[in-house]
Protein backbone atom coordinates (compact mmCIF):
# COMPACT_ATOMS: atom_id res chain seq x y z
CA UNK A 1 8.31 -6.02 0.66
CA UNK A 2 7.00 -9.77 1.60
CA UNK A 3 8.22 -11.34 -1.67
CA UNK A 4 11.41 -9.44 -1.87
CA UNK A 5 12.57 -9.79 1.55
CA UNK A 6 10.88 -12.82 2.73
CA UNK A 7 8.75 -11.21 5.49
CA UNK A 8 5.63 -12.18 6.74
CA UNK A 9 2.44 -9.73 6.33
CA UNK A 10 2.35 -9.42 10.23
CA UNK A 11 6.02 -8.36 10.23
CA UNK A 12 5.50 -5.78 7.26
CA UNK A 13 2.69 -4.33 9.14
CA UNK A 14 4.64 -4.06 12.54
CA UNK A 15 7.62 -2.55 10.77
CA UNK A 16 5.47 0.05 9.04
CA UNK A 17 3.71 0.99 12.30
CA UNK A 18 7.03 1.19 14.31
CA UNK A 19 8.43 3.55 11.44
CA UNK A 20 5.24 5.66 11.71
CA UNK A 21 5.78 6.49 15.34
CA UNK A 22 8.96 8.10 15.92
CA UNK A 23 8.71 11.94 15.00
CA UNK A 24 12.44 11.88 13.82
CA UNK A 25 11.54 9.38 11.17
CA UNK A 26 11.02 11.42 7.99
CA UNK A 27 7.87 10.29 6.22
CA UNK A 28 6.47 12.71 3.67
CA UNK A 29 2.86 11.86 4.13
CA UNK A 30 1.97 9.75 7.20
CA UNK A 31 -1.69 9.89 6.31
CA UNK A 32 -1.12 8.21 2.86
CA UNK A 33 0.90 5.55 4.58
CA UNK A 34 -1.61 5.00 7.20
CA UNK A 35 -4.51 4.53 4.38
CA UNK A 36 -1.99 1.94 2.60
CA UNK A 37 -1.30 0.12 5.77
CA UNK A 38 -5.12 -0.12 6.46
CA UNK A 39 -5.80 -1.45 3.08
CA UNK A 40 -2.77 -3.83 3.25
CA UNK A 41 -4.01 -5.07 6.79
CA UNK A 42 -7.55 -6.01 5.25
CA UNK A 43 -6.93 -6.94 1.61
CA UNK A 44 -4.38 -9.36 -0.29
CA UNK A 45 -2.27 -7.29 -2.42
CA UNK A 46 1.38 -6.28 -1.16
CA UNK A 47 2.01 -2.98 0.74
CA UNK A 48 3.61 -1.02 -2.04
CA UNK A 49 0.65 -1.57 -4.47
CA UNK A 50 -1.44 0.34 -1.88
CA UNK A 51 0.96 3.04 -1.43
CA UNK A 52 0.83 3.57 -5.05
CA UNK A 53 -2.83 3.34 -5.05
CA UNK A 54 -3.34 6.18 -2.43
CA UNK A 55 -0.60 8.20 -4.17
CA UNK A 56 -2.83 8.06 -7.18
CA UNK A 57 -5.83 8.74 -5.26
CA UNK A 58 -4.33 11.64 -3.53
CA UNK A 59 -3.10 13.16 -6.77
CA UNK A 60 -6.89 13.26 -8.02
CA UNK A 61 -7.02 10.07 -9.91
CA UNK A 62 -10.35 8.20 -10.00
CA UNK A 63 -8.75 4.76 -10.83
CA UNK A 64 -5.23 3.51 -10.75
CA UNK A 65 -3.94 0.72 -13.11
CA UNK A 66 -2.29 -2.43 -12.12
CA UNK A 67 -1.31 -5.62 -13.66
CA UNK A 68 -1.54 -7.37 -10.23
CA UNK A 69 -4.86 -9.48 -10.01
CA UNK A 70 -4.77 -9.31 -6.12
CA UNK A 71 -4.36 -5.45 -6.16
CA UNK A 72 -7.19 -5.18 -8.85
CA UNK A 73 -9.75 -6.63 -6.19
CA UNK A 74 -9.69 -3.09 -4.74
CA UNK A 75 -12.37 -1.11 -6.40
CA UNK A 76 -10.23 1.80 -7.05
CA UNK A 77 -7.83 -0.35 -9.15
CA UNK A 78 -8.46 -1.28 -12.76
CA UNK A 79 -6.78 -4.40 -14.06
CA UNK A 80 -4.76 -3.84 -17.29
CA UNK A 81 -5.37 -6.86 -19.62
CA UNK A 82 -2.74 -7.99 -21.73
């Protein structure tokens, strides 16, 4: 989201938080989004990485694979090596 749309991390956090509040906004799993947002706020990878991570963990995965070195700093990610 930051790279694609040129938004600052703070802007992404603000936008996601604003979207979580209105009850008329359909979000299938607000808890998952909140967990992803918490990781994004504290860590260095992009927000979609943490959404994928928490989707996987919620589905019962112990580890989620990634090519992203920043995302791989999270203990639940495993870095895929080329």
